[in-house]
ModelCIF file with pLDDT and N, C-alpha, C, O atoms, coordinates in Angstrom:
data_MODEL
#
_entry.id   MODEL 
#
_entity.id                         1 
_entity.type                       polymer 
_entity.pdbx_number_of_molecules   1 
#
_entity_poly.entity_id                      1 
_entity_poly.type                           'polypeptide(L)' 
_entity_poly.nstd_linkage                   no 
_entity_poly.nstd_monomer                   no 
_entity_poly.pdbx_seq_one_letter_code       PVHTTMRRTLTREFMVKKIDALRPTITGITGQLETVQRRLWDVSEELT 
_entity_poly.pdbx_seq_one_letter_code_can   PVHTTMRRTLTREFMVKKIDALRPTITGITGQLETVQRRLWDVSEELT 
_entity_poly.pdbx_strand_id                 A 
#
loop_
_entity_poly_seq.entity_id 
_entity_poly_seq.num 
_entity_poly_seq.mon_id 
_entity_poly_seq.hetero 
1 1  PRO n 
1 2  VAL n 
1 3  HIS n 
1 4  THR n 
1 5  THR n 
1 6  MET n 
1 7  ARG n 
1 8  ARG n 
1 9  THR n 
1 10 LEU n 
1 11 THR n 
1 12 ARG n 
1 13 GLU n 
1 14 PHE n 
1 15 MET n 
1 16 VAL n 
1 17 LYS n 
1 18 LYS n 
1 19 ILE n 
1 20 ASP n 
1 21 ALA n 
1 22 LEU n 
1 23 ARG n 
1 24 PRO n 
1 25 THR n 
1 26 ILE n 
1 27 THR n 
1 28 GLY n 
1 29 ILE n 
1 30 THR n 
1 31 GLY n 
1 32 GLN n 
1 33 LEU n 
1 34 GLU n 
1 35 THR n 
1 36 VAL n 
1 37 GLN n 
1 38 ARG n 
1 39 ARG n 
1 40 LEU n 
1 41 TRP n 
1 42 ASP n 
1 43 VAL n 
1 44 SER n 
1 45 GLU n 
1 46 GLU n 
1 47 LEU n 
1 48 THR n 
#
_struct_asym.id          A 
_struct_asym.entity_id   1 
#
loop_
_ma_qa_metric.id 
_ma_qa_metric.mode 
_ma_qa_metric.name 
_ma_qa_metric.software_group_id 
_ma_qa_metric.type 
1 global pLDDT . pLDDT 
2 local  pLDDT . pLDDT 
#
_ma_qa_metric_global.metric_id      1 
_ma_qa_metric_global.metric_value   89.92 
_ma_qa_metric_global.model_id       1 
_ma_qa_metric_global.ordinal_id     1 
#
loop_
_ma_qa_metric_local.label_asym_id 
_ma_qa_metric_local.label_comp_id 
_ma_qa_metric_local.label_seq_id 
_ma_qa_metric_local.metric_id 
_ma_qa_metric_local.metric_value 
_ma_qa_metric_local.model_id 
_ma_qa_metric_local.ordinal_id 
A PRO 1  2 89.00 1 1  
A VAL 2  2 88.00 1 2  
A HIS 3  2 87.00 1 3  
A THR 4  2 89.00 1 4  
A THR 5  2 91.00 1 5  
A MET 6  2 89.00 1 6  
A ARG 7  2 89.00 1 7  
A ARG 8  2 92.00 1 8  
A THR 9  2 90.00 1 9  
A LEU 10 2 89.00 1 10 
A THR 11 2 91.00 1 11 
A ARG 12 2 90.00 1 12 
A GLU 13 2 90.00 1 13 
A PHE 14 2 89.00 1 14 
A MET 15 2 93.00 1 15 
A VAL 16 2 94.00 1 16 
A LYS 17 2 95.00 1 17 
A LYS 18 2 94.00 1 18 
A ILE 19 2 93.00 1 19 
A ASP 20 2 96.00 1 20 
A ALA 21 2 96.00 1 21 
A LEU 22 2 95.00 1 22 
A ARG 23 2 95.00 1 23 
A PRO 24 2 96.00 1 24 
A THR 25 2 96.00 1 25 
A ILE 26 2 95.00 1 26 
A THR 27 2 95.00 1 27 
A GLY 28 2 96.00 1 28 
A ILE 29 2 96.00 1 29 
A THR 30 2 94.00 1 30 
A GLY 31 2 94.00 1 31 
A GLN 32 2 95.00 1 32 
A LEU 33 2 93.00 1 33 
A GLU 34 2 91.00 1 34 
A THR 35 2 92.00 1 35 
A VAL 36 2 91.00 1 36 
A GLN 37 2 88.00 1 37 
A ARG 38 2 87.00 1 38 
A ARG 39 2 87.00 1 39 
A LEU 40 2 86.00 1 40 
A TRP 41 2 84.00 1 41 
A ASP 42 2 83.00 1 42 
A VAL 43 2 82.00 1 43 
A SER 44 2 79.00 1 44 
A GLU 45 2 79.00 1 45 
A GLU 46 2 78.00 1 46 
A LEU 47 2 78.00 1 47 
A THR 48 2 77.00 1 48 
#
loop_
_atom_site.group_PDB 
_atom_site.id 
_atom_site.type_symbol 
_atom_site.label_atom_id 
_atom_site.label_alt_id 
_atom_site.label_comp_id 
_atom_site.label_asym_id 
_atom_site.label_entity_id 
_atom_site.label_seq_id 
_atom_site.pdbx_PDB_ins_code 
_atom_site.Cartn_x 
_atom_site.Cartn_y 
_atom_site.Cartn_z 
_atom_site.occupancy 
_atom_site.B_iso_or_equiv 
_atom_site.pdbx_formal_charge 
_atom_site.auth_seq_id 
_atom_site.auth_comp_id 
_atom_site.auth_asym_id 
_atom_site.auth_atom_id 
_atom_site.pdbx_PDB_model_num 
ATOM 1   N N  . PRO A 1 1  ? 6.758  87.091  104.716 1.00 89.00 ? 1  PRO A N  1 
ATOM 2   C CA . PRO A 1 1  ? 7.613  86.650  105.797 1.00 89.00 ? 1  PRO A CA 1 
ATOM 3   C C  . PRO A 1 1  ? 9.106  86.638  105.453 1.00 89.00 ? 1  PRO A C  1 
ATOM 4   O O  . PRO A 1 1  ? 9.941  86.480  106.344 1.00 89.00 ? 1  PRO A O  1 
ATOM 5   N N  . VAL A 1 2  ? 9.443  86.798  104.197 1.00 88.00 ? 2  VAL A N  1 
ATOM 6   C CA . VAL A 1 2  ? 10.889 86.766  103.825 1.00 88.00 ? 2  VAL A CA 1 
ATOM 7   C C  . VAL A 1 2  ? 11.651 87.864  104.508 1.00 88.00 ? 2  VAL A C  1 
ATOM 8   O O  . VAL A 1 2  ? 12.724 87.635  105.067 1.00 88.00 ? 2  VAL A O  1 
ATOM 9   N N  . HIS A 1 3  ? 11.094 89.073  104.467 1.00 87.00 ? 3  HIS A N  1 
ATOM 10  C CA . HIS A 1 3  ? 11.746 90.215  105.107 1.00 87.00 ? 3  HIS A CA 1 
ATOM 11  C C  . HIS A 1 3  ? 12.006 89.954  106.590 1.00 87.00 ? 3  HIS A C  1 
ATOM 12  O O  . HIS A 1 3  ? 13.087 90.245  107.100 1.00 87.00 ? 3  HIS A O  1 
ATOM 13  N N  . THR A 1 4  ? 11.010 89.407  107.268 1.00 89.00 ? 4  THR A N  1 
ATOM 14  C CA . THR A 1 4  ? 11.122 89.157  108.699 1.00 89.00 ? 4  THR A CA 1 
ATOM 15  C C  . THR A 1 4  ? 12.263 88.159  108.990 1.00 89.00 ? 4  THR A C  1 
ATOM 16  O O  . THR A 1 4  ? 13.059 88.359  109.908 1.00 89.00 ? 4  THR A O  1 
ATOM 17  N N  . THR A 1 5  ? 12.320 87.102  108.202 1.00 91.00 ? 5  THR A N  1 
ATOM 18  C CA . THR A 1 5  ? 13.379 86.123  108.366 1.00 91.00 ? 5  THR A CA 1 
ATOM 19  C C  . THR A 1 5  ? 14.750 86.730  108.137 1.00 91.00 ? 5  THR A C  1 
ATOM 20  O O  . THR A 1 5  ? 15.677 86.506  108.916 1.00 91.00 ? 5  THR A O  1 
ATOM 21  N N  . MET A 1 6  ? 14.874 87.502  107.062 1.00 89.00 ? 6  MET A N  1 
ATOM 22  C CA . MET A 1 6  ? 16.197 88.121  106.757 1.00 89.00 ? 6  MET A CA 1 
ATOM 23  C C  . MET A 1 6  ? 16.541 89.132  107.845 1.00 89.00 ? 6  MET A C  1 
ATOM 24  O O  . MET A 1 6  ? 17.702 89.190  108.249 1.00 89.00 ? 6  MET A O  1 
ATOM 25  N N  . ARG A 1 7  ? 15.620 89.914  108.332 1.00 89.00 ? 7  ARG A N  1 
ATOM 26  C CA . ARG A 1 7  ? 15.928 90.930  109.373 1.00 89.00 ? 7  ARG A CA 1 
ATOM 27  C C  . ARG A 1 7  ? 16.378 90.221  110.645 1.00 89.00 ? 7  ARG A C  1 
ATOM 28  O O  . ARG A 1 7  ? 17.364 90.626  111.261 1.00 89.00 ? 7  ARG A O  1 
ATOM 29  N N  . ARG A 1 8  ? 15.676 89.180  111.041 1.00 92.00 ? 8  ARG A N  1 
ATOM 30  C CA . ARG A 1 8  ? 16.096 88.453  112.253 1.00 92.00 ? 8  ARG A CA 1 
ATOM 31  C C  . ARG A 1 8  ? 17.460 87.861  112.133 1.00 92.00 ? 8  ARG A C  1 
ATOM 32  O O  . ARG A 1 8  ? 18.205 87.821  113.112 1.00 92.00 ? 8  ARG A O  1 
ATOM 33  N N  . THR A 1 9  ? 17.823 87.383  110.920 1.00 90.00 ? 9  THR A N  1 
ATOM 34  C CA . THR A 1 9  ? 19.136 86.820  110.692 1.00 90.00 ? 9  THR A CA 1 
ATOM 35  C C  . THR A 1 9  ? 20.202 87.862  110.861 1.00 90.00 ? 9  THR A C  1 
ATOM 36  O O  . THR A 1 9  ? 21.259 87.592  111.432 1.00 90.00 ? 9  THR A O  1 
ATOM 37  N N  . LEU A 1 10 ? 19.931 89.087  110.356 1.00 89.00 ? 10 LEU A N  1 
ATOM 38  C CA . LEU A 1 10 ? 20.964 90.166  110.411 1.00 89.00 ? 10 LEU A CA 1 
ATOM 39  C C  . LEU A 1 10 ? 21.032 90.916  111.723 1.00 89.00 ? 10 LEU A C  1 
ATOM 40  O O  . LEU A 1 10 ? 22.062 91.505  112.053 1.00 89.00 ? 10 LEU A O  1 
ATOM 41  N N  . THR A 1 11 ? 19.923 90.898  112.489 1.00 91.00 ? 11 THR A N  1 
ATOM 42  C CA . THR A 1 11 ? 19.852 91.727  113.723 1.00 91.00 ? 11 THR A CA 1 
ATOM 43  C C  . THR A 1 11 ? 21.006 91.408  114.638 1.00 91.00 ? 11 THR A C  1 
ATOM 44  O O  . THR A 1 11 ? 21.590 92.336  115.196 1.00 91.00 ? 11 THR A O  1 
ATOM 45  N N  . ARG A 1 12 ? 21.377 90.143  114.832 1.00 90.00 ? 12 ARG A N  1 
ATOM 46  C CA . ARG A 1 12 ? 22.444 89.763  115.768 1.00 90.00 ? 12 ARG A CA 1 
ATOM 47  C C  . ARG A 1 12 ? 23.738 90.458  115.400 1.00 90.00 ? 12 ARG A C  1 
ATOM 48  O O  . ARG A 1 12 ? 24.509 90.827  116.287 1.00 90.00 ? 12 ARG A O  1 
ATOM 49  N N  . GLU A 1 13 ? 24.000 90.648  114.103 1.00 90.00 ? 13 GLU A N  1 
ATOM 50  C CA . GLU A 1 13 ? 25.249 91.261  113.672 1.00 90.00 ? 13 GLU A CA 1 
ATOM 51  C C  . GLU A 1 13 ? 25.337 92.735  113.989 1.00 90.00 ? 13 GLU A C  1 
ATOM 52  O O  . GLU A 1 13 ? 26.429 93.302  113.982 1.00 90.00 ? 13 GLU A O  1 
ATOM 53  N N  . PHE A 1 14 ? 24.192 93.382  114.271 1.00 89.00 ? 14 PHE A N  1 
ATOM 54  C CA . PHE A 1 14 ? 24.167 94.801  114.528 1.00 89.00 ? 14 PHE A CA 1 
ATOM 55  C C  . PHE A 1 14 ? 23.833 95.146  115.959 1.00 89.00 ? 14 PHE A C  1 
ATOM 56  O O  . PHE A 1 14 ? 23.464 96.284  116.251 1.00 89.00 ? 14 PHE A O  1 
ATOM 57  N N  . MET A 1 15 ? 23.957 94.180  116.863 1.00 93.00 ? 15 MET A N  1 
ATOM 58  C CA . MET A 1 15 ? 23.729 94.440  118.293 1.00 93.00 ? 15 MET A CA 1 
ATOM 59  C C  . MET A 1 15 ? 24.812 95.392  118.763 1.00 93.00 ? 15 MET A C  1 
ATOM 60  O O  . MET A 1 15 ? 25.897 95.450  118.186 1.00 93.00 ? 15 MET A O  1 
ATOM 61  N N  . VAL A 1 16 ? 24.504 96.151  119.835 1.00 94.00 ? 16 VAL A N  1 
ATOM 62  C CA . VAL A 1 16 ? 25.422 97.176  120.355 1.00 94.00 ? 16 VAL A CA 1 
ATOM 63  C C  . VAL A 1 16 ? 26.780 96.534  120.716 1.00 94.00 ? 16 VAL A C  1 
ATOM 64  O O  . VAL A 1 16 ? 27.818 97.125  120.418 1.00 94.00 ? 16 VAL A O  1 
ATOM 65  N N  . LYS A 1 17 ? 26.803 95.348  121.344 1.00 95.00 ? 17 LYS A N  1 
ATOM 66  C CA . LYS A 1 17 ? 28.073 94.761  121.711 1.00 95.00 ? 17 LYS A CA 1 
ATOM 67  C C  . LYS A 1 17 ? 28.940 94.442  120.465 1.00 95.00 ? 17 LYS A C  1 
ATOM 68  O O  . LYS A 1 17 ? 30.153 94.651  120.476 1.00 95.00 ? 17 LYS A O  1 
ATOM 69  N N  . LYS A 1 18 ? 28.316 93.952  119.436 1.00 94.00 ? 18 LYS A N  1 
ATOM 70  C CA . LYS A 1 18 ? 29.062 93.608  118.193 1.00 94.00 ? 18 LYS A CA 1 
ATOM 71  C C  . LYS A 1 18 ? 29.631 94.836  117.584 1.00 94.00 ? 18 LYS A C  1 
ATOM 72  O O  . LYS A 1 18 ? 30.796 94.859  117.188 1.00 94.00 ? 18 LYS A O  1 
ATOM 73  N N  . ILE A 1 19 ? 28.815 95.882  117.499 1.00 93.00 ? 19 ILE A N  1 
ATOM 74  C CA . ILE A 1 19 ? 29.347 97.142  116.880 1.00 93.00 ? 19 ILE A CA 1 
ATOM 75  C C  . ILE A 1 19 ? 30.457 97.730  117.747 1.00 93.00 ? 19 ILE A C  1 
ATOM 76  O O  . ILE A 1 19 ? 31.477 98.170  117.217 1.00 93.00 ? 19 ILE A O  1 
ATOM 77  N N  . ASP A 1 20 ? 30.281 97.747  119.075 1.00 96.00 ? 20 ASP A N  1 
ATOM 78  C CA . ASP A 1 20 ? 31.287 98.272  119.943 1.00 96.00 ? 20 ASP A CA 1 
ATOM 79  C C  . ASP A 1 20 ? 32.594 97.529  119.786 1.00 96.00 ? 20 ASP A C  1 
ATOM 80  O O  . ASP A 1 20 ? 33.667 98.129  119.844 1.00 96.00 ? 20 ASP A O  1 
ATOM 81  N N  . ALA A 1 21 ? 32.508 96.204  119.584 1.00 96.00 ? 21 ALA A N  1 
ATOM 82  C CA . ALA A 1 21 ? 33.721 95.404  119.375 1.00 96.00 ? 21 ALA A CA 1 
ATOM 83  C C  . ALA A 1 21 ? 34.438 95.785  118.080 1.00 96.00 ? 21 ALA A C  1 
ATOM 84  O O  . ALA A 1 21 ? 35.657 95.637  117.982 1.00 96.00 ? 21 ALA A O  1 
ATOM 85  N N  . LEU A 1 22 ? 33.699 96.271  117.096 1.00 95.00 ? 22 LEU A N  1 
ATOM 86  C CA . LEU A 1 22 ? 34.286 96.645  115.819 1.00 95.00 ? 22 LEU A CA 1 
ATOM 87  C C  . LEU A 1 22 ? 34.844 98.061  115.849 1.00 95.00 ? 22 LEU A C  1 
ATOM 88  O O  . LEU A 1 22 ? 35.610 98.431  114.960 1.00 95.00 ? 22 LEU A O  1 
ATOM 89  N N  . ARG A 1 23 ? 34.479 98.868  116.856 1.00 95.00 ? 23 ARG A N  1 
ATOM 90  C CA . ARG A 1 23 ? 34.889 100.264 116.919 1.00 95.00 ? 23 ARG A CA 1 
ATOM 91  C C  . ARG A 1 23 ? 36.357 100.480 116.776 1.00 95.00 ? 23 ARG A C  1 
ATOM 92  O O  . ARG A 1 23 ? 36.727 101.342 115.978 1.00 95.00 ? 23 ARG A O  1 
ATOM 93  N N  . PRO A 1 24 ? 37.274 99.773  117.482 1.00 96.00 ? 24 PRO A N  1 
ATOM 94  C CA . PRO A 1 24 ? 38.704 100.004 117.336 1.00 96.00 ? 24 PRO A CA 1 
ATOM 95  C C  . PRO A 1 24 ? 39.207 99.760  115.861 1.00 96.00 ? 24 PRO A C  1 
ATOM 96  O O  . PRO A 1 24 ? 40.036 100.506 115.339 1.00 96.00 ? 24 PRO A O  1 
ATOM 97  N N  . THR A 1 25 ? 38.677 98.710  115.247 1.00 96.00 ? 25 THR A N  1 
ATOM 98  C CA . THR A 1 25 ? 39.073 98.426  113.893 1.00 96.00 ? 25 THR A CA 1 
ATOM 99  C C  . THR A 1 25 ? 38.605 99.492  112.952 1.00 96.00 ? 25 THR A C  1 
ATOM 100 O O  . THR A 1 25 ? 39.377 99.941  112.105 1.00 96.00 ? 25 THR A O  1 
ATOM 101 N N  . ILE A 1 26 ? 37.367 99.917  113.067 1.00 95.00 ? 26 ILE A N  1 
ATOM 102 C CA . ILE A 1 26 ? 36.806 100.968 112.221 1.00 95.00 ? 26 ILE A CA 1 
ATOM 103 C C  . ILE A 1 26 ? 37.563 102.272 112.440 1.00 95.00 ? 26 ILE A C  1 
ATOM 104 O O  . ILE A 1 26 ? 37.897 102.964 111.479 1.00 95.00 ? 26 ILE A O  1 
ATOM 105 N N  . THR A 1 27 ? 37.831 102.606 113.677 1.00 95.00 ? 27 THR A N  1 
ATOM 106 C CA . THR A 1 27 ? 38.586 103.848 113.959 1.00 95.00 ? 27 THR A CA 1 
ATOM 107 C C  . THR A 1 27 ? 39.987 103.785 113.344 1.00 95.00 ? 27 THR A C  1 
ATOM 108 O O  . THR A 1 27 ? 40.469 104.775 112.793 1.00 95.00 ? 27 THR A O  1 
ATOM 109 N N  . GLY A 1 28 ? 40.619 102.660 113.435 1.00 96.00 ? 28 GLY A N  1 
ATOM 110 C CA . GLY A 1 28 ? 41.976 102.481 112.854 1.00 96.00 ? 28 GLY A CA 1 
ATOM 111 C C  . GLY A 1 28 ? 41.960 102.663 111.308 1.00 96.00 ? 28 GLY A C  1 
ATOM 112 O O  . GLY A 1 28 ? 42.775 103.392 110.743 1.00 96.00 ? 28 GLY A O  1 
ATOM 113 N N  . ILE A 1 29 ? 41.022 101.985 110.671 1.00 96.00 ? 29 ILE A N  1 
ATOM 114 C CA . ILE A 1 29 ? 40.896 102.087 109.209 1.00 96.00 ? 29 ILE A CA 1 
ATOM 115 C C  . ILE A 1 29 ? 40.559 103.508 108.806 1.00 96.00 ? 29 ILE A C  1 
ATOM 116 O O  . ILE A 1 29 ? 41.125 104.017 107.839 1.00 96.00 ? 29 ILE A O  1 
ATOM 117 N N  . THR A 1 30 ? 39.647 104.171 109.524 1.00 94.00 ? 30 THR A N  1 
ATOM 118 C CA . THR A 1 30 ? 39.275 105.553 109.174 1.00 94.00 ? 30 THR A CA 1 
ATOM 119 C C  . THR A 1 30 ? 40.469 106.472 109.367 1.00 94.00 ? 30 THR A C  1 
ATOM 120 O O  . THR A 1 30 ? 40.671 107.381 108.562 1.00 94.00 ? 30 THR A O  1 
ATOM 121 N N  . GLY A 1 31 ? 41.266 106.264 110.408 1.00 94.00 ? 31 GLY A N  1 
ATOM 122 C CA . GLY A 1 31 ? 42.454 107.086 110.598 1.00 94.00 ? 31 GLY A CA 1 
ATOM 123 C C  . GLY A 1 31 ? 43.446 106.918 109.492 1.00 94.00 ? 31 GLY A C  1 
ATOM 124 O O  . GLY A 1 31 ? 44.035 107.894 109.028 1.00 94.00 ? 31 GLY A O  1 
ATOM 125 N N  . GLN A 1 32 ? 43.648 105.680 109.053 1.00 95.00 ? 32 GLN A N  1 
ATOM 126 C CA . GLN A 1 32 ? 44.611 105.403 107.937 1.00 95.00 ? 32 GLN A CA 1 
ATOM 127 C C  . GLN A 1 32 ? 44.104 106.046 106.659 1.00 95.00 ? 32 GLN A C  1 
ATOM 128 O O  . GLN A 1 32 ? 44.896 106.628 105.918 1.00 95.00 ? 32 GLN A O  1 
ATOM 129 N N  . LEU A 1 33 ? 42.801 105.962 106.375 1.00 93.00 ? 33 LEU A N  1 
ATOM 130 C CA . LEU A 1 33 ? 42.240 106.572 105.168 1.00 93.00 ? 33 LEU A CA 1 
ATOM 131 C C  . LEU A 1 33 ? 42.382 108.089 105.211 1.00 93.00 ? 33 LEU A C  1 
ATOM 132 O O  . LEU A 1 33 ? 42.691 108.717 104.198 1.00 93.00 ? 33 LEU A O  1 
ATOM 133 N N  . GLU A 1 34 ? 42.158 108.671 106.372 1.00 91.00 ? 34 GLU A N  1 
ATOM 134 C CA . GLU A 1 34 ? 42.302 110.138 106.530 1.00 91.00 ? 34 GLU A CA 1 
ATOM 135 C C  . GLU A 1 34 ? 43.746 110.571 106.279 1.00 91.00 ? 34 GLU A C  1 
ATOM 136 O O  . GLU A 1 34 ? 43.984 111.607 105.657 1.00 91.00 ? 34 GLU A O  1 
ATOM 137 N N  . THR A 1 35 ? 44.706 109.788 106.756 1.00 92.00 ? 35 THR A N  1 
ATOM 138 C CA . THR A 1 35 ? 46.097 110.118 106.545 1.00 92.00 ? 35 THR A CA 1 
ATOM 139 C C  . THR A 1 35 ? 46.446 110.051 105.065 1.00 92.00 ? 35 THR A C  1 
ATOM 140 O O  . THR A 1 35 ? 47.133 110.934 104.551 1.00 92.00 ? 35 THR A O  1 
ATOM 141 N N  . VAL A 1 36 ? 45.979 109.011 104.372 1.00 91.00 ? 36 VAL A N  1 
ATOM 142 C CA . VAL A 1 36 ? 46.222 108.908 102.946 1.00 91.00 ? 36 VAL A CA 1 
ATOM 143 C C  . VAL A 1 36 ? 45.575 110.063 102.214 1.00 91.00 ? 36 VAL A C  1 
ATOM 144 O O  . VAL A 1 36 ? 46.187 110.669 101.335 1.00 91.00 ? 36 VAL A O  1 
ATOM 145 N N  . GLN A 1 37 ? 44.303 110.378 102.584 1.00 88.00 ? 37 GLN A N  1 
ATOM 146 C CA . GLN A 1 37 ? 43.642 111.465 101.893 1.00 88.00 ? 37 GLN A CA 1 
ATOM 147 C C  . GLN A 1 37 ? 44.360 112.792 102.110 1.00 88.00 ? 37 GLN A C  1 
ATOM 148 O O  . GLN A 1 37 ? 44.472 113.579 101.171 1.00 88.00 ? 37 GLN A O  1 
ATOM 149 N N  . ARG A 1 38 ? 44.837 113.058 103.286 1.00 87.00 ? 38 ARG A N  1 
ATOM 150 C CA . ARG A 1 38 ? 45.559 114.311 103.533 1.00 87.00 ? 38 ARG A CA 1 
ATOM 151 C C  . ARG A 1 38 ? 46.828 114.348 102.700 1.00 87.00 ? 38 ARG A C  1 
ATOM 152 O O  . ARG A 1 38 ? 47.173 115.397 102.156 1.00 87.00 ? 38 ARG A O  1 
ATOM 153 N N  . ARG A 1 39 ? 47.521 113.243 102.589 1.00 87.00 ? 39 ARG A N  1 
ATOM 154 C CA . ARG A 1 39 ? 48.742 113.228 101.754 1.00 87.00 ? 39 ARG A CA 1 
ATOM 155 C C  . ARG A 1 39 ? 48.434 113.529 100.296 1.00 87.00 ? 39 ARG A C  1 
ATOM 156 O O  . ARG A 1 39 ? 49.130 114.304 99.639  1.00 87.00 ? 39 ARG A O  1 
ATOM 157 N N  . LEU A 1 40 ? 47.351 112.884 99.796  1.00 86.00 ? 40 LEU A N  1 
ATOM 158 C CA . LEU A 1 40 ? 46.933 113.097 98.402  1.00 86.00 ? 40 LEU A CA 1 
ATOM 159 C C  . LEU A 1 40 ? 46.542 114.546 98.191  1.00 86.00 ? 40 LEU A C  1 
ATOM 160 O O  . LEU A 1 40 ? 46.889 115.131 97.165  1.00 86.00 ? 40 LEU A O  1 
ATOM 161 N N  . TRP A 1 41 ? 45.830 115.141 99.135  1.00 84.00 ? 41 TRP A N  1 
ATOM 162 C CA . TRP A 1 41 ? 45.412 116.550 98.996  1.00 84.00 ? 41 TRP A CA 1 
ATOM 163 C C  . TRP A 1 41 ? 46.653 117.477 99.041  1.00 84.00 ? 41 TRP A C  1 
ATOM 164 O O  . TRP A 1 41 ? 46.714 118.469 98.315  1.00 84.00 ? 41 TRP A O  1 
ATOM 165 N N  . ASP A 1 42 ? 47.631 117.144 99.898  1.00 83.00 ? 42 ASP A N  1 
ATOM 166 C CA . ASP A 1 42 ? 48.886 117.944 99.940  1.00 83.00 ? 42 ASP A CA 1 
ATOM 167 C C  . ASP A 1 42 ? 49.582 117.915 98.617  1.00 83.00 ? 42 ASP A C  1 
ATOM 168 O O  . ASP A 1 42 ? 50.038 118.951 98.134  1.00 83.00 ? 42 ASP A O  1 
ATOM 169 N N  . VAL A 1 43 ? 49.679 116.709 97.995  1.00 82.00 ? 43 VAL A N  1 
ATOM 170 C CA . VAL A 1 43 ? 50.305 116.591 96.669  1.00 82.00 ? 43 VAL A CA 1 
ATOM 171 C C  . VAL A 1 43 ? 49.509 117.381 95.630  1.00 82.00 ? 43 VAL A C  1 
ATOM 172 O O  . VAL A 1 43 ? 50.069 118.099 94.802  1.00 82.00 ? 43 VAL A O  1 
ATOM 173 N N  . SER A 1 44 ? 48.204 117.227 95.701  1.00 79.00 ? 44 SER A N  1 
ATOM 174 C CA . SER A 1 44 ? 47.329 117.939 94.755  1.00 79.00 ? 44 SER A CA 1 
ATOM 175 C C  . SER A 1 44 ? 47.460 119.450 94.914  1.00 79.00 ? 44 SER A C  1 
ATOM 176 O O  . SER A 1 44 ? 47.467 120.185 93.926  1.00 79.00 ? 44 SER A O  1 
ATOM 177 N N  . GLU A 1 45 ? 47.564 119.903 96.140  1.00 79.00 ? 45 GLU A N  1 
ATOM 178 C CA . GLU A 1 45 ? 47.749 121.329 96.371  1.00 79.00 ? 45 GLU A CA 1 
ATOM 179 C C  . GLU A 1 45 ? 49.086 121.820 95.830  1.00 79.00 ? 45 GLU A C  1 
ATOM 180 O O  . GLU A 1 45 ? 49.164 122.908 95.259  1.00 79.00 ? 45 GLU A O  1 
ATOM 181 N N  . GLU A 1 46 ? 50.120 121.038 96.003  1.00 78.00 ? 46 GLU A N  1 
ATOM 182 C CA . GLU A 1 46 ? 51.433 121.433 95.478  1.00 78.00 ? 46 GLU A CA 1 
ATOM 183 C C  . GLU A 1 46 ? 51.380 121.518 93.959  1.00 78.00 ? 46 GLU A C  1 
ATOM 184 O O  . GLU A 1 46 ? 51.977 122.421 93.373  1.00 78.00 ? 46 GLU A O  1 
ATOM 185 N N  . LEU A 1 47 ? 50.681 120.601 93.317  1.00 78.00 ? 47 LEU A N  1 
ATOM 186 C CA . LEU A 1 47 ? 50.617 120.566 91.832  1.00 78.00 ? 47 LEU A CA 1 
ATOM 187 C C  . LEU A 1 47 ? 49.712 121.624 91.271  1.00 78.00 ? 47 LEU A C  1 
ATOM 188 O O  . LEU A 1 47 ? 50.011 122.219 90.235  1.00 78.00 ? 47 LEU A O  1 
ATOM 189 N N  . THR A 1 48 ? 48.584 121.871 91.957  1.00 77.00 ? 48 THR A N  1 
ATOM 190 C CA . THR A 1 48 ? 47.595 122.726 91.336  1.00 77.00 ? 48 THR A CA 1 
ATOM 191 C C  . THR A 1 48 ? 47.447 124.107 92.025  1.00 77.00 ? 48 THR A C  1 
ATOM 192 O O  . THR A 1 48 ? 46.639 124.929 91.593  1.00 77.00 ? 48 THR A O  1 
#
């Protein structure tokens, strides 16, 4: 029964409404990381 209890505890955090509410934050962080990655690759391309 331990798995069942843990799953029920976590299920609320992964409901569609909760995930949809996180979407703008996740999209923003992903965009920032992509920008940084592109800059690093540009520098790497210049050097190598």
